[in-house]
Amino acid sequence: MKEDTGEIFTLDEVAAYLKVGKRTVYRLAATKKIPAFKVGGTWRFQRQEIDQWIKRQTAEAQGEEGRGGPRGEKG
């Protein structure tokens, strides 16, 4: 059984986990670019969903490198 099943992060905890600023996490959550939900008006994040999101972001970034650059630019 996984220890992290159901673990919930606050915005501050996700920012520390991802090593980015709190404003960045807030912006990503507000624009629905990162999996999040609100409890009493404050953002919460499931660790399992954040880990899956990281894997998707990594896979997309690796796919873009093969298409001509970091932003998928074709020359």
PDB file of N, CA and C in Angstrom:
ATOM      1  N   MET A   1       0.834  -1.191   0.000  1.00  0.00           N
ATOM      2  CA  MET A   1       0.000   0.000   0.000  1.00  0.00           C
ATOM      3  C   MET A   1       0.874   1.248   0.000  1.00  0.00           C
ATOM      4  N   LYS A   2       0.506   2.231  -0.796  1.00  0.00           N
ATOM      5  CA  LYS A   2       1.277   3.466  -0.873  1.00  0.00           C
ATOM      6  C   LYS A   2       1.002   4.343   0.346  1.00  0.00           C
ATOM      7  N   GLU A   3       2.033   4.991   0.836  1.00  0.00           N
ATOM      8  CA  GLU A   3       1.894   5.875   1.984  1.00  0.00           C
ATOM      9  C   GLU A   3       1.230   7.198   1.615  1.00  0.00           C
ATOM     10  N   ASP A   4       1.410   7.641   0.358  1.00  0.00           N
ATOM     11  CA  ASP A   4       0.947   8.969  -0.038  1.00  0.00           C
ATOM     12  C   ASP A   4      -0.502   8.979  -0.540  1.00  0.00           C
ATOM     13  N   THR A   5      -1.201   7.856  -0.489  1.00  0.00           N
ATOM     14  CA  THR A   5      -2.571   7.802  -0.980  1.00  0.00           C
ATOM     15  C   THR A   5      -3.443   8.754  -0.182  1.00  0.00           C
ATOM     16  N   GLY A   6      -4.067   9.674  -0.874  1.00  0.00           N
ATOM     17  CA  GLY A   6      -4.975  10.609  -0.228  1.00  0.00           C
ATOM     18  C   GLY A   6      -4.315  11.793   0.444  1.00  0.00           C
ATOM     19  N   GLU A   7      -2.992  11.906   0.362  1.00  0.00           N
ATOM     20  CA  GLU A   7      -2.317  13.038   0.994  1.00  0.00           C
ATOM     21  C   GLU A   7      -2.714  14.324   0.279  1.00  0.00           C
ATOM     22  N   ILE A   8      -3.059  15.328   1.058  1.00  0.00           N
ATOM     23  CA  ILE A   8      -3.505  16.612   0.522  1.00  0.00           C
ATOM     24  C   ILE A   8      -2.463  17.675   0.843  1.00  0.00           C
ATOM     25  N   PHE A   9      -2.103  18.457  -0.186  1.00  0.00           N
ATOM     26  CA  PHE A   9      -1.155  19.557  -0.029  1.00  0.00           C
ATOM     27  C   PHE A   9      -1.892  20.891  -0.012  1.00  0.00           C
ATOM     28  N   THR A  10      -1.318  21.859   0.695  1.00  0.00           N
ATOM     29  CA  THR A  10      -1.762  23.246   0.592  1.00  0.00           C
ATOM     30  C   THR A  10      -0.989  23.895  -0.554  1.00  0.00           C
ATOM     31  N   LEU A  11      -1.363  25.113  -0.893  1.00  0.00           N
ATOM     32  CA  LEU A  11      -0.663  25.849  -1.940  1.00  0.00           C
ATOM     33  C   LEU A  11       0.818  26.015  -1.578  1.00  0.00           C
ATOM     34  N   ASP A  12       1.098  26.356  -0.327  1.00  0.00           N
ATOM     35  CA  ASP A  12       2.488  26.524   0.115  1.00  0.00           C
ATOM     36  C   ASP A  12       3.276  25.228  -0.029  1.00  0.00           C
ATOM     37  N   GLU A  13       2.655  24.105   0.317  1.00  0.00           N
ATOM     38  CA  GLU A  13       3.334  22.818   0.242  1.00  0.00           C
ATOM     39  C   GLU A  13       3.621  22.412  -1.203  1.00  0.00           C
ATOM     40  N   VAL A  14       2.664  22.685  -2.107  1.00  0.00           N
ATOM     41  CA  VAL A  14       2.883  22.370  -3.519  1.00  0.00           C
ATOM     42  C   VAL A  14       3.994  23.244  -4.083  1.00  0.00           C
ATOM     43  N   ALA A  15       3.998  24.506  -3.712  1.00  0.00           N
ATOM     44  CA  ALA A  15       5.061  25.404  -4.183  1.00  0.00           C
ATOM     45  C   ALA A  15       6.424  24.885  -3.740  1.00  0.00           C
ATOM     46  N   ALA A  16       6.539  24.445  -2.506  1.00  0.00           N
ATOM     47  CA  ALA A  16       7.804  23.904  -2.010  1.00  0.00           C
ATOM     48  C   ALA A  16       8.135  22.589  -2.718  1.00  0.00           C
ATOM     49  N   TYR A  17       7.141  21.748  -2.917  1.00  0.00           N
ATOM     50  CA  TYR A  17       7.334  20.450  -3.569  1.00  0.00           C
ATOM     51  C   TYR A  17       7.832  20.624  -5.000  1.00  0.00           C
ATOM     52  N   LEU A  18       7.259  21.595  -5.722  1.00  0.00           N
ATOM     53  CA  LEU A  18       7.645  21.849  -7.110  1.00  0.00           C
ATOM     54  C   LEU A  18       8.835  22.806  -7.220  1.00  0.00           C
ATOM     55  N   LYS A  19       9.209  23.412  -6.100  1.00  0.00           N
ATOM     56  CA  LYS A  19      10.306  24.385  -6.060  1.00  0.00           C
ATOM     57  C   LYS A  19      10.022  25.579  -6.980  1.00  0.00           C
ATOM     58  N   VAL A  20       8.810  26.106  -6.847  1.00  0.00           N
ATOM     59  CA  VAL A  20       8.398  27.308  -7.570  1.00  0.00           C
ATOM     60  C   VAL A  20       7.727  28.248  -6.581  1.00  0.00           C
ATOM     61  N   GLY A  21       7.439  29.449  -7.028  1.00  0.00           N
ATOM     62  CA  GLY A  21       6.791  30.418  -6.165  1.00  0.00           C
ATOM     63  C   GLY A  21       5.319  30.115  -5.949  1.00  0.00           C
ATOM     64  N   LYS A  22       4.800  30.612  -4.835  1.00  0.00           N
ATOM     65  CA  LYS A  22       3.379  30.417  -4.525  1.00  0.00           C
ATOM     66  C   LYS A  22       2.486  31.057  -5.580  1.00  0.00           C
ATOM     67  N   ARG A  23       2.908  32.194  -6.094  1.00  0.00           N
ATOM     68  CA  ARG A  23       2.122  32.882  -7.120  1.00  0.00           C
ATOM     69  C   ARG A  23       1.991  32.017  -8.378  1.00  0.00           C
ATOM     70  N   THR A  24       3.072  31.317  -8.729  1.00  0.00           N
ATOM     71  CA  THR A  24       3.046  30.431  -9.893  1.00  0.00           C
ATOM     72  C   THR A  24       2.030  29.317  -9.695  1.00  0.00           C
ATOM     73  N   VAL A  25       2.029  28.695  -8.520  1.00  0.00           N
ATOM     74  CA  VAL A  25       1.077  27.609  -8.244  1.00  0.00           C
ATOM     75  C   VAL A  25      -0.348  28.155  -8.253  1.00  0.00           C
ATOM     76  N   TYR A  26      -0.561  29.321  -7.657  1.00  0.00           N
ATOM     77  CA  TYR A  26      -1.890  29.925  -7.639  1.00  0.00           C
ATOM     78  C   TYR A  26      -2.383  30.171  -9.069  1.00  0.00           C
ATOM     79  N   ARG A  27      -1.516  30.709  -9.903  1.00  0.00           N
ATOM     80  CA  ARG A  27      -1.892  30.994 -11.289  1.00  0.00           C
ATOM     81  C   ARG A  27      -2.232  29.708 -12.042  1.00  0.00           C
ATOM     82  N   LEU A  28      -1.419  28.669 -11.855  1.00  0.00           N
ATOM     83  CA  LEU A  28      -1.683  27.389 -12.509  1.00  0.00           C
ATOM     84  C   LEU A  28      -3.010  26.794 -12.045  1.00  0.00           C
ATOM     85  N   ALA A  29      -3.293  26.892 -10.761  1.00  0.00           N
ATOM     86  CA  ALA A  29      -4.549  26.356 -10.228  1.00  0.00           C
ATOM     87  C   ALA A  29      -5.746  27.161 -10.742  1.00  0.00           C
ATOM     88  N   ALA A  30      -5.629  28.466 -10.730  1.00  0.00           N
ATOM     89  CA  ALA A  30      -6.727  29.330 -11.159  1.00  0.00           C
ATOM     90  C   ALA A  30      -7.069  29.144 -12.631  1.00  0.00           C
ATOM     91  N   THR A  31      -6.077  28.813 -13.444  1.00  0.00           N
ATOM     92  CA  THR A  31      -6.308  28.603 -14.877  1.00  0.00           C
ATOM     93  C   THR A  31      -6.505  27.123 -15.221  1.00  0.00           C
ATOM     94  N   LYS A  32      -6.619  26.294 -14.176  1.00  0.00           N
ATOM     95  CA  LYS A  32      -6.877  24.853 -14.321  1.00  0.00           C
ATOM     96  C   LYS A  32      -5.797  24.131 -15.123  1.00  0.00           C
ATOM     97  N   LYS A  33      -4.559  24.599 -14.976  1.00  0.00           N
ATOM     98  CA  LYS A  33      -3.437  23.954 -15.648  1.00  0.00           C
ATOM     99  C   LYS A  33      -2.743  22.947 -14.745  1.00  0.00           C
ATOM    100  N   ILE A  34      -3.150  22.911 -13.485  1.00  0.00           N
ATOM    101  CA  ILE A  34      -2.639  21.937 -12.526  1.00  0.00           C
ATOM    102  C   ILE A  34      -3.855  21.413 -11.758  1.00  0.00           C
ATOM    103  N   PRO A  35      -3.907  20.115 -11.441  1.00  0.00           N
ATOM    104  CA  PRO A  35      -5.074  19.584 -10.743  1.00  0.00           C
ATOM    105  C   PRO A  35      -5.189  20.152  -9.328  1.00  0.00           C
ATOM    106  N   ALA A  36      -6.336  20.757  -9.042  1.00  0.00           N
ATOM    107  CA  ALA A  36      -6.542  21.405  -7.748  1.00  0.00           C
ATOM    108  C   ALA A  36      -8.036  21.510  -7.467  1.00  0.00           C
ATOM    109  N   PHE A  37      -8.354  21.755  -6.200  1.00  0.00           N
ATOM    110  CA  PHE A  37      -9.733  21.999  -5.803  1.00  0.00           C
ATOM    111  C   PHE A  37      -9.719  22.966  -4.623  1.00  0.00           C
ATOM    112  N   LYS A  38     -10.856  23.577  -4.375  1.00  0.00           N
ATOM    113  CA  LYS A  38     -10.931  24.546  -3.290  1.00  0.00           C
ATOM    114  C   LYS A  38     -11.724  23.979  -2.113  1.00  0.00           C
ATOM    115  N   VAL A  39     -11.248  24.304  -0.915  1.00  0.00           N
ATOM    116  CA  VAL A  39     -11.940  23.988   0.324  1.00  0.00           C
ATOM    117  C   VAL A  39     -12.048  25.296   1.094  1.00  0.00           C
ATOM    118  N   GLY A  40     -13.264  25.763   1.281  1.00  0.00           N
ATOM    119  CA  GLY A  40     -13.438  27.012   2.021  1.00  0.00           C
ATOM    120  C   GLY A  40     -12.714  28.184   1.402  1.00  0.00           C
ATOM    121  N   GLY A  41     -12.577  28.185   0.088  1.00  0.00           N
ATOM    122  CA  GLY A  41     -11.941  29.302  -0.607  1.00  0.00           C
ATOM    123  C   GLY A  41     -10.431  29.209  -0.724  1.00  0.00           C
ATOM    124  N   THR A  42      -9.842  28.133  -0.215  1.00  0.00           N
ATOM    125  CA  THR A  42      -8.393  27.973  -0.342  1.00  0.00           C
ATOM    126  C   THR A  42      -8.082  26.742  -1.192  1.00  0.00           C
ATOM    127  N   TRP A  43      -7.018  26.838  -1.971  1.00  0.00           N
ATOM    128  CA  TRP A  43      -6.641  25.770  -2.880  1.00  0.00           C
ATOM    129  C   TRP A  43      -6.056  24.586  -2.132  1.00  0.00           C
ATOM    130  N   ARG A  44      -6.409  23.372  -2.598  1.00  0.00           N
ATOM    131  CA  ARG A  44      -5.853  22.120  -2.098  1.00  0.00           C
ATOM    132  C   ARG A  44      -5.475  21.254  -3.297  1.00  0.00           C
ATOM    133  N   PHE A  45      -4.516  20.367  -3.083  1.00  0.00           N
ATOM    134  CA  PHE A  45      -3.962  19.555  -4.163  1.00  0.00           C
ATOM    135  C   PHE A  45      -3.739  18.139  -3.646  1.00  0.00           C
ATOM    136  N   GLN A  46      -4.147  17.132  -4.413  1.00  0.00           N
ATOM    137  CA  GLN A  46      -3.875  15.748  -4.036  1.00  0.00           C
ATOM    138  C   GLN A  46      -2.482  15.386  -4.534  1.00  0.00           C
ATOM    139  N   ARG A  47      -1.666  14.843  -3.639  1.00  0.00           N
ATOM    140  CA  ARG A  47      -0.284  14.512  -4.007  1.00  0.00           C
ATOM    141  C   ARG A  47      -0.236  13.569  -5.207  1.00  0.00           C
ATOM    142  N   GLN A  48      -1.092  12.562  -5.220  1.00  0.00           N
ATOM    143  CA  GLN A  48      -1.094  11.587  -6.311  1.00  0.00           C
ATOM    144  C   GLN A  48      -1.362  12.273  -7.652  1.00  0.00           C
ATOM    145  N   GLU A  49      -2.291  13.230  -7.673  1.00  0.00           N
ATOM    146  CA  GLU A  49      -2.590  13.957  -8.915  1.00  0.00           C
ATOM    147  C   GLU A  49      -1.432  14.861  -9.324  1.00  0.00           C
ATOM    148  N   ILE A  50      -0.776  15.473  -8.353  1.00  0.00           N
ATOM    149  CA  ILE A  50       0.379  16.326  -8.653  1.00  0.00           C
ATOM    150  C   ILE A  50       1.507  15.480  -9.247  1.00  0.00           C
ATOM    151  N   ASP A  51       1.744  14.303  -8.672  1.00  0.00           N
ATOM    152  CA  ASP A  51       2.784  13.413  -9.199  1.00  0.00           C
ATOM    153  C   ASP A  51       2.463  12.983 -10.634  1.00  0.00           C
ATOM    154  N   GLN A  52       1.195  12.684 -10.912  1.00  0.00           N
ATOM    155  CA  GLN A  52       0.790  12.313 -12.272  1.00  0.00           C
ATOM    156  C   GLN A  52       0.957  13.501 -13.220  1.00  0.00           C
ATOM    157  N   TRP A  53       0.620  14.695 -12.759  1.00  0.00           N
ATOM    158  CA  TRP A  53       0.764  15.908 -13.557  1.00  0.00           C
ATOM    159  C   TRP A  53       2.236  16.134 -13.911  1.00  0.00           C
ATOM    160  N   ILE A  54       3.119  15.906 -12.937  1.00  0.00           N
ATOM    161  CA  ILE A  54       4.557  16.052 -13.190  1.00  0.00           C
ATOM    162  C   ILE A  54       4.992  15.082 -14.283  1.00  0.00           C
ATOM    163  N   LYS A  55       4.529  13.845 -14.217  1.00  0.00           N
ATOM    164  CA  LYS A  55       4.891  12.850 -15.235  1.00  0.00           C
ATOM    165  C   LYS A  55       4.393  13.263 -16.614  1.00  0.00           C
ATOM    166  N   ARG A  56       3.175  13.802 -16.687  1.00  0.00           N
ATOM    167  CA  ARG A  56       2.640  14.264 -17.983  1.00  0.00           C
ATOM    168  C   ARG A  56       3.449  15.439 -18.519  1.00  0.00           C
ATOM    169  N   GLN A  57       3.792  16.376 -17.648  1.00  0.00           N
ATOM    170  CA  GLN A  57       4.581  17.534 -18.072  1.00  0.00           C
ATOM    171  C   GLN A  57       5.943  17.098 -18.589  1.00  0.00           C
ATOM    172  N   THR A  58       6.544  16.124 -17.912  1.00  0.00           N
ATOM    173  CA  THR A  58       7.851  15.605 -18.329  1.00  0.00           C
ATOM    174  C   THR A  58       7.752  14.929 -19.685  1.00  0.00           C
ATOM    175  N   ALA A  59       6.717  14.115 -19.867  1.00  0.00           N
ATOM    176  CA  ALA A  59       6.538  13.410 -21.146  1.00  0.00           C
ATOM    177  C   ALA A  59       6.300  14.400 -22.280  1.00  0.00           C
ATOM    178  N   GLU A  60       5.494  15.433 -22.033  1.00  0.00           N
ATOM    179  CA  GLU A  60       5.244  16.445 -23.064  1.00  0.00           C
ATOM    180  C   GLU A  60       6.522  17.190 -23.410  1.00  0.00           C
ATOM    181  N   ALA A  61       7.309  17.529 -22.411  1.00  0.00           N
ATOM    182  CA  ALA A  61       8.554  18.256 -22.656  1.00  0.00           C
ATOM    183  C   ALA A  61       9.523  17.404 -23.468  1.00  0.00           C
ATOM    184  N   GLN A  62       9.588  16.126 -23.164  1.00  0.00           N
ATOM    185  CA  GLN A  62      10.482  15.236 -23.911  1.00  0.00           C
ATOM    186  C   GLN A  62       9.999  15.080 -25.347  1.00  0.00           C
ATOM    187  N   GLY A  63       8.701  15.049 -25.555  1.00  0.00           N
ATOM    188  CA  GLY A  63       8.151  14.965 -26.904  1.00  0.00           C
ATOM    189  C   GLY A  63       8.436  16.216 -27.711  1.00  0.00           C
ATOM    190  N   GLU A  64       8.397  17.369 -27.068  1.00  0.00           N
ATOM    191  CA  GLU A  64       8.665  18.633 -27.764  1.00  0.00           C
ATOM    192  C   GLU A  64      10.119  18.730 -28.199  1.00  0.00           C
ATOM    193  N   GLU A  65      11.028  18.162 -27.424  1.00  0.00           N
ATOM    194  CA  GLU A  65      12.448  18.205 -27.799  1.00  0.00           C
ATOM    195  C   GLU A  65      12.677  17.503 -29.123  1.00  0.00           C
ATOM    196  N   GLY A  66      11.913  16.462 -29.376  1.00  0.00           N
ATOM    197  CA  GLY A  66      12.059  15.722 -30.613  1.00  0.00           C
ATOM    198  C   GLY A  66      11.404  16.382 -31.808  1.00  0.00           C
ATOM    199  N   ARG A  67      10.657  17.487 -31.568  1.00  0.00           N
ATOM    200  CA  ARG A  67       9.952  18.171 -32.649  1.00  0.00           C
ATOM    201  C   ARG A  67      10.585  19.503 -33.027  1.00  0.00           C
ATOM    202  N   GLY A  68      11.828  19.702 -32.676  1.00  0.00           N
ATOM    203  CA  GLY A  68      12.497  20.892 -33.170  1.00  0.00           C
ATOM    204  C   GLY A  68      12.803  21.958 -32.163  1.00  0.00           C
ATOM    205  N   GLY A  69      12.606  21.708 -30.893  1.00  0.00           N
ATOM    206  CA  GLY A  69      12.984  22.699 -29.917  1.00  0.00           C
ATOM    207  C   GLY A  69      12.168  22.607 -28.657  1.00  0.00           C
ATOM    208  N   PRO A  70      12.487  23.427 -27.697  1.00  0.00           N
ATOM    209  CA  PRO A  70      11.813  23.348 -26.409  1.00  0.00           C
ATOM    210  C   PRO A  70      10.338  23.735 -26.466  1.00  0.00           C
ATOM    211  N   ARG A  71       9.933  24.469 -27.469  1.00  0.00           N
ATOM    212  CA  ARG A  71       8.521  24.839 -27.587  1.00  0.00           C
ATOM    213  C   ARG A  71       7.851  24.158 -28.767  1.00  0.00           C
ATOM    214  N   GLY A  72       8.459  23.148 -29.307  1.00  0.00           N
ATOM    215  CA  GLY A  72       7.887  22.438 -30.418  1.00  0.00           C
ATOM    216  C   GLY A  72       7.997  23.197 -31.730  1.00  0.00           C
ATOM    217  N   GLU A  73       8.930  24.137 -31.796  1.00  0.00           N
ATOM    218  CA  GLU A  73       9.092  24.953 -33.001  1.00  0.00           C
ATOM    219  C   GLU A  73       9.711  24.136 -34.109  1.00  0.00           C
ATOM    220  N   LYS A  74       9.189  24.302 -35.282  1.00  0.00           N
ATOM    221  CA  LYS A  74       9.743  23.607 -36.447  1.00  0.00           C
ATOM    222  C   LYS A  74      10.499  24.612 -37.302  1.00  0.00           C
ATOM    223  N   GLY A  75      11.671  24.207 -37.721  1.00  0.00           N
ATOM    224  CA  GLY A  75      12.517  25.135 -38.452  1.00  0.00           C
ATOM    225  C   GLY A  75      12.345  25.036 -39.863  1.00  0.00           C
TER     226      GLY A  75
END
